């Protein structure tokens, strides 16, 4: 098990997109896990613990810039270091 005392605190809201104001580069230097309603998801683009949602990319639909559209799933969100 990793020593989580030396790791940065996980924020309430985090995004993988570097242009987002919720992107924290120091967090992505470590491996994190995200559970939604007890099931671990590996394709989460953004999450918010206090509002209880995660955003995952759509398998086929793209926005006008060619990036996948994000689907919001709601439930109990747990974030942890692996």
PDB file of N, CA and C in Angstrom:
ATOM      1  N   UNK A   1       0.848  -1.186   0.000  1.00  0.00           N
ATOM      2  CA  UNK A   1       0.000   0.000   0.000  1.00  0.00           C
ATOM      3  C   UNK A   1       0.885   1.238   0.000  1.00  0.00           C
ATOM      4  N   UNK A   2       0.490   2.252  -0.724  1.00  0.00           N
ATOM      5  CA  UNK A   2       1.264   3.489  -0.804  1.00  0.00           C
ATOM      6  C   UNK A   2       1.091   4.332   0.440  1.00  0.00           C
ATOM      7  N   UNK A   3       2.125   5.119   0.756  1.00  0.00           N
ATOM      8  CA  UNK A   3       2.038   6.059   1.866  1.00  0.00           C
ATOM      9  C   UNK A   3       1.369   7.326   1.353  1.00  0.00           C
ATOM     10  N   UNK A   4       0.108   7.550   1.726  1.00  0.00           N
ATOM     11  CA  UNK A   4      -0.653   8.676   1.197  1.00  0.00           C
ATOM     12  C   UNK A   4      -0.398   9.973   1.960  1.00  0.00           C
ATOM     13  N   UNK A   5       0.409   9.943   3.027  1.00  0.00           N
ATOM     14  CA  UNK A   5       0.659  11.167   3.793  1.00  0.00           C
ATOM     15  C   UNK A   5       1.526  12.154   3.005  1.00  0.00           C
ATOM     16  N   UNK A   6       2.382  11.666   2.121  1.00  0.00           N
ATOM     17  CA  UNK A   6       3.244  12.549   1.343  1.00  0.00           C
ATOM     18  C   UNK A   6       2.610  12.974   0.023  1.00  0.00           C
ATOM     19  N   UNK A   7       1.445  12.437  -0.305  1.00  0.00           N
ATOM     20  CA  UNK A   7       0.765  12.768  -1.556  1.00  0.00           C
ATOM     21  C   UNK A   7      -0.101  14.005  -1.385  1.00  0.00           C
ATOM     22  N   UNK A   8      -0.301  14.785  -2.478  1.00  0.00           N
ATOM     23  CA  UNK A   8      -1.175  15.962  -2.366  1.00  0.00           C
ATOM     24  C   UNK A   8      -2.619  15.547  -2.080  1.00  0.00           C
ATOM     25  N   UNK A   9      -3.334  16.402  -1.380  1.00  0.00           N
ATOM     26  CA  UNK A   9      -4.733  16.113  -1.049  1.00  0.00           C
ATOM     27  C   UNK A   9      -5.568  16.101  -2.326  1.00  0.00           C
ATOM     28  N   UNK A  10      -6.493  15.156  -2.405  1.00  0.00           N
ATOM     29  CA  UNK A  10      -7.362  15.075  -3.572  1.00  0.00           C
ATOM     30  C   UNK A  10      -8.432  16.162  -3.494  1.00  0.00           C
ATOM     31  N   UNK A  11      -8.606  16.949  -4.558  1.00  0.00           N
ATOM     32  CA  UNK A  11      -9.584  18.039  -4.519  1.00  0.00           C
ATOM     33  C   UNK A  11     -11.016  17.527  -4.654  1.00  0.00           C
ATOM     34  N   UNK A  12     -11.969  18.399  -4.336  1.00  0.00           N
ATOM     35  CA  UNK A  12     -13.382  18.073  -4.469  1.00  0.00           C
ATOM     36  C   UNK A  12     -13.750  17.897  -5.936  1.00  0.00           C
ATOM     37  N   UNK A  13     -13.124  18.679  -6.802  1.00  0.00           N
ATOM     38  CA  UNK A  13     -13.418  18.605  -8.235  1.00  0.00           C
ATOM     39  C   UNK A  13     -12.100  18.572  -9.003  1.00  0.00           C
ATOM     40  N   UNK A  14     -12.005  17.665  -9.994  1.00  0.00           N
ATOM     41  CA  UNK A  14     -10.772  17.502 -10.751  1.00  0.00           C
ATOM     42  C   UNK A  14     -11.103  17.167 -12.196  1.00  0.00           C
ATOM     43  N   UNK A  15     -10.323  17.732 -13.119  1.00  0.00           N
ATOM     44  CA  UNK A  15     -10.515  17.503 -14.543  1.00  0.00           C
ATOM     45  C   UNK A  15      -9.207  17.049 -15.177  1.00  0.00           C
ATOM     46  N   UNK A  16      -9.299  16.174 -16.174  1.00  0.00           N
ATOM     47  CA  UNK A  16      -8.120  15.713 -16.925  1.00  0.00           C
ATOM     48  C   UNK A  16      -7.706  16.716 -17.992  1.00  0.00           C
ATOM     49  N   UNK A  17      -8.611  17.604 -18.385  1.00  0.00           N
ATOM     50  CA  UNK A  17      -8.353  18.570 -19.447  1.00  0.00           C
ATOM     51  C   UNK A  17      -7.441  19.685 -18.934  1.00  0.00           C
ATOM     52  N   UNK A  18      -6.235  19.861 -19.516  1.00  0.00           N
ATOM     53  CA  UNK A  18      -5.303  20.888 -19.040  1.00  0.00           C
ATOM     54  C   UNK A  18      -5.822  22.322 -19.162  1.00  0.00           C
ATOM     55  N   UNK A  19      -6.785  22.577 -20.046  1.00  0.00           N
ATOM     56  CA  UNK A  19      -7.318  23.932 -20.191  1.00  0.00           C
ATOM     57  C   UNK A  19      -8.428  24.238 -19.174  1.00  0.00           C
ATOM     58  N   UNK A  20      -8.827  23.262 -18.388  1.00  0.00           N
ATOM     59  CA  UNK A  20      -9.873  23.450 -17.379  1.00  0.00           C
ATOM     60  C   UNK A  20      -9.307  24.127 -16.132  1.00  0.00           C
ATOM     61  N   UNK A  21     -10.089  24.996 -15.478  1.00  0.00           N
ATOM     62  CA  UNK A  21      -9.622  25.589 -14.214  1.00  0.00           C
ATOM     63  C   UNK A  21      -9.549  24.569 -13.073  1.00  0.00           C
ATOM     64  N   UNK A  22     -10.113  23.386 -13.262  1.00  0.00           N
ATOM     65  CA  UNK A  22     -10.112  22.344 -12.233  1.00  0.00           C
ATOM     66  C   UNK A  22      -9.016  21.299 -12.454  1.00  0.00           C
ATOM     67  N   UNK A  23      -8.076  21.592 -13.339  1.00  0.00           N
ATOM     68  CA  UNK A  23      -6.966  20.682 -13.620  1.00  0.00           C
ATOM     69  C   UNK A  23      -5.823  20.980 -12.647  1.00  0.00           C
ATOM     70  N   UNK A  24      -5.344  19.946 -11.934  1.00  0.00           N
ATOM     71  CA  UNK A  24      -4.228  20.078 -10.993  1.00  0.00           C
ATOM     72  C   UNK A  24      -3.148  19.086 -11.434  1.00  0.00           C
ATOM     73  N   UNK A  25      -2.058  19.603 -11.995  1.00  0.00           N
ATOM     74  CA  UNK A  25      -1.011  18.760 -12.563  1.00  0.00           C
ATOM     75  C   UNK A  25      -0.362  17.841 -11.522  1.00  0.00           C
ATOM     76  N   UNK A  26      -0.194  18.313 -10.295  1.00  0.00           N
ATOM     77  CA  UNK A  26       0.479  17.520  -9.258  1.00  0.00           C
ATOM     78  C   UNK A  26      -0.273  16.225  -8.946  1.00  0.00           C
ATOM     79  N   UNK A  27      -1.583  16.216  -9.084  1.00  0.00           N
ATOM     80  CA  UNK A  27      -2.387  15.023  -8.808  1.00  0.00           C
ATOM     81  C   UNK A  27      -2.092  13.932  -9.839  1.00  0.00           C
ATOM     82  N   UNK A  28      -1.872  14.328 -11.097  1.00  0.00           N
ATOM     83  CA  UNK A  28      -1.703  13.348 -12.172  1.00  0.00           C
ATOM     84  C   UNK A  28      -0.317  12.722 -12.204  1.00  0.00           C
ATOM     85  N   UNK A  29       0.562  13.127 -11.308  1.00  0.00           N
ATOM     86  CA  UNK A  29       1.860  12.463 -11.177  1.00  0.00           C
ATOM     87  C   UNK A  29       1.713  11.131 -10.440  1.00  0.00           C
ATOM     88  N   UNK A  30       0.552  10.891  -9.853  1.00  0.00           N
ATOM     89  CA  UNK A  30       0.265   9.674  -9.098  1.00  0.00           C
ATOM     90  C   UNK A  30      -0.957   9.002  -9.704  1.00  0.00           C
ATOM     91  N   UNK A  31      -1.118   7.729  -9.445  1.00  0.00           N
ATOM     92  CA  UNK A  31      -2.273   6.986  -9.949  1.00  0.00           C
ATOM     93  C   UNK A  31      -3.428   7.124  -8.965  1.00  0.00           C
ATOM     94  N   UNK A  32      -4.581   7.563  -9.489  1.00  0.00           N
ATOM     95  CA  UNK A  32      -5.766   7.680  -8.639  1.00  0.00           C
ATOM     96  C   UNK A  32      -6.851   6.754  -9.159  1.00  0.00           C
ATOM     97  N   UNK A  33      -7.751   6.378  -8.277  1.00  0.00           N
ATOM     98  CA  UNK A  33      -8.892   5.555  -8.631  1.00  0.00           C
ATOM     99  C   UNK A  33     -10.169   6.311  -8.310  1.00  0.00           C
ATOM    100  N   UNK A  34     -11.208   6.049  -9.097  1.00  0.00           N
ATOM    101  CA  UNK A  34     -12.491   6.721  -8.904  1.00  0.00           C
ATOM    102  C   UNK A  34     -13.585   5.663  -8.917  1.00  0.00           C
ATOM    103  N   UNK A  35     -14.409   5.663  -7.864  1.00  0.00           N
ATOM    104  CA  UNK A  35     -15.559   4.769  -7.783  1.00  0.00           C
ATOM    105  C   UNK A  35     -16.834   5.589  -7.848  1.00  0.00           C
ATOM    106  N   UNK A  36     -17.784   5.104  -8.618  1.00  0.00           N
ATOM    107  CA  UNK A  36     -19.118   5.696  -8.679  1.00  0.00           C
ATOM    108  C   UNK A  36     -20.101   4.616  -8.268  1.00  0.00           C
ATOM    109  N   UNK A  37     -20.808   4.837  -7.184  1.00  0.00           N
ATOM    110  CA  UNK A  37     -21.765   3.867  -6.637  1.00  0.00           C
ATOM    111  C   UNK A  37     -21.115   2.505  -6.402  1.00  0.00           C
ATOM    112  N   UNK A  38     -19.863   2.504  -5.916  1.00  0.00           N
ATOM    113  CA  UNK A  38     -19.167   1.269  -5.583  1.00  0.00           C
ATOM    114  C   UNK A  38     -18.466   0.589  -6.742  1.00  0.00           C
ATOM    115  N   UNK A  39     -18.639   1.076  -7.981  1.00  0.00           N
ATOM    116  CA  UNK A  39     -17.993   0.463  -9.143  1.00  0.00           C
ATOM    117  C   UNK A  39     -16.858   1.365  -9.614  1.00  0.00           C
ATOM    118  N   UNK A  40     -15.664   0.795  -9.768  1.00  0.00           N
ATOM    119  CA  UNK A  40     -14.512   1.585 -10.190  1.00  0.00           C
ATOM    120  C   UNK A  40     -14.575   1.860 -11.690  1.00  0.00           C
ATOM    121  N   UNK A  41     -14.340   3.120 -12.057  1.00  0.00           N
ATOM    122  CA  UNK A  41     -14.327   3.545 -13.454  1.00  0.00           C
ATOM    123  C   UNK A  41     -12.910   3.981 -13.821  1.00  0.00           C
ATOM    124  N   UNK A  42     -12.476   3.592 -15.006  1.00  0.00           N
ATOM    125  CA  UNK A  42     -11.124   3.937 -15.453  1.00  0.00           C
ATOM    126  C   UNK A  42     -11.113   5.007 -16.532  1.00  0.00           C
ATOM    127  N   UNK A  43     -12.270   5.414 -17.027  1.00  0.00           N
ATOM    128  CA  UNK A  43     -12.330   6.369 -18.126  1.00  0.00           C
ATOM    129  C   UNK A  43     -12.951   7.713 -17.724  1.00  0.00           C
ATOM    130  N   UNK A  44     -12.796   8.121 -16.485  1.00  0.00           N
ATOM    131  CA  UNK A  44     -13.387   9.370 -15.999  1.00  0.00           C
ATOM    132  C   UNK A  44     -12.560  10.560 -16.460  1.00  0.00           C
ATOM    133  N   UNK A  45     -13.210  11.553 -17.057  1.00  0.00           N
ATOM    134  CA  UNK A  45     -12.549  12.774 -17.509  1.00  0.00           C
ATOM    135  C   UNK A  45     -12.601  13.868 -16.444  1.00  0.00           C
ATOM    136  N   UNK A  46     -13.680  13.894 -15.660  1.00  0.00           N
ATOM    137  CA  UNK A  46     -13.863  14.920 -14.635  1.00  0.00           C
ATOM    138  C   UNK A  46     -14.783  14.365 -13.556  1.00  0.00           C
ATOM    139  N   UNK A  47     -14.577  14.821 -12.313  1.00  0.00           N
ATOM    140  CA  UNK A  47     -15.465  14.392 -11.236  1.00  0.00           C
ATOM    141  C   UNK A  47     -15.705  15.543 -10.272  1.00  0.00           C
ATOM    142  N   UNK A  48     -16.787  15.434  -9.499  1.00  0.00           N
ATOM    143  CA  UNK A  48     -17.086  16.360  -8.408  1.00  0.00           C
ATOM    144  C   UNK A  48     -17.689  15.529  -7.282  1.00  0.00           C
ATOM    145  N   UNK A  49     -16.995  15.493  -6.152  1.00  0.00           N
ATOM    146  CA  UNK A  49     -17.441  14.681  -5.023  1.00  0.00           C
ATOM    147  C   UNK A  49     -18.672  15.299  -4.357  1.00  0.00           C
ATOM    148  N   UNK A  50     -18.642  16.616  -4.099  1.00  0.00           N
ATOM    149  CA  UNK A  50     -19.732  17.253  -3.360  1.00  0.00           C
ATOM    150  C   UNK A  50     -21.054  17.242  -4.141  1.00  0.00           C
ATOM    151  N   UNK A  51     -20.993  17.357  -5.465  1.00  0.00           N
ATOM    152  CA  UNK A  51     -22.216  17.338  -6.271  1.00  0.00           C
ATOM    153  C   UNK A  51     -22.598  15.923  -6.694  1.00  0.00           C
ATOM    154  N   UNK A  52     -21.685  14.958  -6.538  1.00  0.00           N
ATOM    155  CA  UNK A  52     -21.986  13.550  -6.802  1.00  0.00           C
ATOM    156  C   UNK A  52     -22.114  13.198  -8.277  1.00  0.00           C
ATOM    157  N   UNK A  53     -21.131  13.560  -9.104  1.00  0.00           N
ATOM    158  CA  UNK A  53     -21.159  13.184 -10.510  1.00  0.00           C
ATOM    159  C   UNK A  53     -19.757  12.963 -11.058  1.00  0.00           C
ATOM    160  N   UNK A  54     -19.706  12.197 -12.144  1.00  0.00           N
ATOM    161  CA  UNK A  54     -18.486  12.016 -12.933  1.00  0.00           C
ATOM    162  C   UNK A  54     -18.863  12.216 -14.392  1.00  0.00           C
ATOM    163  N   UNK A  55     -17.887  12.605 -15.194  1.00  0.00           N
ATOM    164  CA  UNK A  55     -18.102  12.745 -16.636  1.00  0.00           C
ATOM    165  C   UNK A  55     -17.186  11.764 -17.348  1.00  0.00           C
ATOM    166  N   UNK A  56     -17.802  10.956 -18.229  1.00  0.00           N
ATOM    167  CA  UNK A  56     -17.045   9.983 -19.015  1.00  0.00           C
ATOM    168  C   UNK A  56     -17.260  10.294 -20.495  1.00  0.00           C
ATOM    169  N   UNK A  57     -16.293   9.941 -21.356  1.00  0.00           N
ATOM    170  CA  UNK A  57     -16.462  10.230 -22.786  1.00  0.00           C
ATOM    171  C   UNK A  57     -17.483   9.305 -23.434  1.00  0.00           C
ATOM    172  N   UNK A  58     -18.223   9.877 -24.379  1.00  0.00           N
ATOM    173  CA  UNK A  58     -19.171   9.097 -25.167  1.00  0.00           C
ATOM    174  C   UNK A  58     -18.400   8.176 -26.107  1.00  0.00           C
ATOM    175  N   UNK A  59     -18.880   6.948 -26.331  1.00  0.00           N
ATOM    176  CA  UNK A  59     -18.134   6.030 -27.195  1.00  0.00           C
ATOM    177  C   UNK A  59     -18.075   6.461 -28.661  1.00  0.00           C
ATOM    178  N   UNK A  60     -19.090   7.185 -29.157  1.00  0.00           N
ATOM    179  CA  UNK A  60     -19.118   7.523 -30.582  1.00  0.00           C
ATOM    180  C   UNK A  60     -19.287   9.013 -30.869  1.00  0.00           C
ATOM    181  N   UNK A  61     -20.073   9.723 -30.097  1.00  0.00           N
ATOM    182  CA  UNK A  61     -20.402  11.109 -30.415  1.00  0.00           C
ATOM    183  C   UNK A  61     -19.216  12.042 -30.173  1.00  0.00           C
ATOM    184  N   UNK A  62     -18.997  12.960 -31.114  1.00  0.00           N
ATOM    185  CA  UNK A  62     -17.904  13.922 -31.029  1.00  0.00           C
ATOM    186  C   UNK A  62     -18.457  15.341 -31.043  1.00  0.00           C
ATOM    187  N   UNK A  63     -17.723  16.266 -30.398  1.00  0.00           N
ATOM    188  CA  UNK A  63     -18.124  17.666 -30.465  1.00  0.00           C
ATOM    189  C   UNK A  63     -17.547  18.283 -31.734  1.00  0.00           C
ATOM    190  N   UNK A  64     -17.736  19.584 -31.921  1.00  0.00           N
ATOM    191  CA  UNK A  64     -17.306  20.237 -33.155  1.00  0.00           C
ATOM    192  C   UNK A  64     -15.787  20.343 -33.288  1.00  0.00           C
ATOM    193  N   UNK A  65     -15.060  20.080 -32.213  1.00  0.00           N
ATOM    194  CA  UNK A  65     -13.597  20.102 -32.246  1.00  0.00           C
ATOM    195  C   UNK A  65     -13.014  18.696 -32.405  1.00  0.00           C
ATOM    196  N   UNK A  66     -13.863  17.693 -32.523  1.00  0.00           N
ATOM    197  CA  UNK A  66     -13.405  16.326 -32.715  1.00  0.00           C
ATOM    198  C   UNK A  66     -13.128  15.562 -31.437  1.00  0.00           C
ATOM    199  N   UNK A  67     -13.429  16.161 -30.288  1.00  0.00           N
ATOM    200  CA  UNK A  67     -13.246  15.478 -29.001  1.00  0.00           C
ATOM    201  C   UNK A  67     -14.544  14.757 -28.625  1.00  0.00           C
ATOM    202  N   UNK A  68     -14.457  13.664 -27.888  1.00  0.00           N
ATOM    203  CA  UNK A  68     -15.679  12.951 -27.476  1.00  0.00           C
ATOM    204  C   UNK A  68     -16.558  13.822 -26.576  1.00  0.00           C
ATOM    205  N   UNK A  69     -17.866  13.715 -26.781  1.00  0.00           N
ATOM    206  CA  UNK A  69     -18.804  14.383 -25.881  1.00  0.00           C
ATOM    207  C   UNK A  69     -18.752  13.694 -24.528  1.00  0.00           C
ATOM    208  N   UNK A  70     -18.970  14.450 -23.467  1.00  0.00           N
ATOM    209  CA  UNK A  70     -18.912  13.888 -22.120  1.00  0.00           C
ATOM    210  C   UNK A  70     -20.315  13.614 -21.604  1.00  0.00           C
ATOM    211  N   UNK A  71     -20.474  12.458 -20.985  1.00  0.00           N
ATOM    212  CA  UNK A  71     -21.739  12.039 -20.397  1.00  0.00           C
ATOM    213  C   UNK A  71     -21.606  12.148 -18.884  1.00  0.00           C
ATOM    214  N   UNK A  72     -22.577  12.788 -18.225  1.00  0.00           N
ATOM    215  CA  UNK A  72     -22.548  12.949 -16.772  1.00  0.00           C
ATOM    216  C   UNK A  72     -23.331  11.817 -16.118  1.00  0.00           C
ATOM    217  N   UNK A  73     -22.650  11.089 -15.227  1.00  0.00           N
ATOM    218  CA  UNK A  73     -23.273  10.036 -14.435  1.00  0.00           C
ATOM    219  C   UNK A  73     -23.329  10.497 -12.985  1.00  0.00           C
ATOM    220  N   UNK A  74     -24.470  10.308 -12.335  1.00  0.00           N
ATOM    221  CA  UNK A  74     -24.648  10.786 -10.966  1.00  0.00           C
ATOM    222  C   UNK A  74     -24.671   9.631  -9.983  1.00  0.00           C
ATOM    223  N   UNK A  75     -24.185   9.912  -8.771  1.00  0.00           N
ATOM    224  CA  UNK A  75     -24.176   8.905  -7.717  1.00  0.00           C
ATOM    225  C   UNK A  75     -23.152   9.260  -6.662  1.00  0.00           C
ATOM    226  N   UNK A  76     -22.829   8.306  -5.812  1.00  0.00           N
ATOM    227  CA  UNK A  76     -21.840   8.505  -4.750  1.00  0.00           C
ATOM    228  C   UNK A  76     -20.437   8.341  -5.337  1.00  0.00           C
ATOM    229  N   UNK A  77     -19.636   9.399  -5.249  1.00  0.00           N
ATOM    230  CA  UNK A  77     -18.286   9.401  -5.836  1.00  0.00           C
ATOM    231  C   UNK A  77     -17.252   9.240  -4.726  1.00  0.00           C
ATOM    232  N   UNK A  78     -16.330   8.290  -4.931  1.00  0.00           N
ATOM    233  CA  UNK A  78     -15.195   8.079  -4.013  1.00  0.00           C
ATOM    234  C   UNK A  78     -13.918   8.188  -4.825  1.00  0.00           C
ATOM    235  N   UNK A  79     -12.945   8.949  -4.322  1.00  0.00           N
ATOM    236  CA  UNK A  79     -11.666   9.119  -5.005  1.00  0.00           C
ATOM    237  C   UNK A  79     -10.557   8.689  -4.051  1.00  0.00           C
ATOM    238  N   UNK A  80      -9.570   7.968  -4.574  1.00  0.00           N
ATOM    239  CA  UNK A  80      -8.500   7.442  -3.724  1.00  0.00           C
ATOM    240  C   UNK A  80      -7.237   7.276  -4.545  1.00  0.00           C
ATOM    241  N   UNK A  81      -6.106   7.228  -3.853  1.00  0.00           N
ATOM    242  CA  UNK A  81      -4.825   6.910  -4.492  1.00  0.00           C
ATOM    243  C   UNK A  81      -4.683   5.407  -4.560  1.00  0.00           C
ATOM    244  N   UNK A  82      -4.171   4.910  -5.659  1.00  0.00           N
ATOM    245  CA  UNK A  82      -3.939   3.468  -5.803  1.00  0.00           C
ATOM    246  C   UNK A  82      -2.575   3.109  -5.297  1.00  0.00           C
TER     247      UNK A  82
END
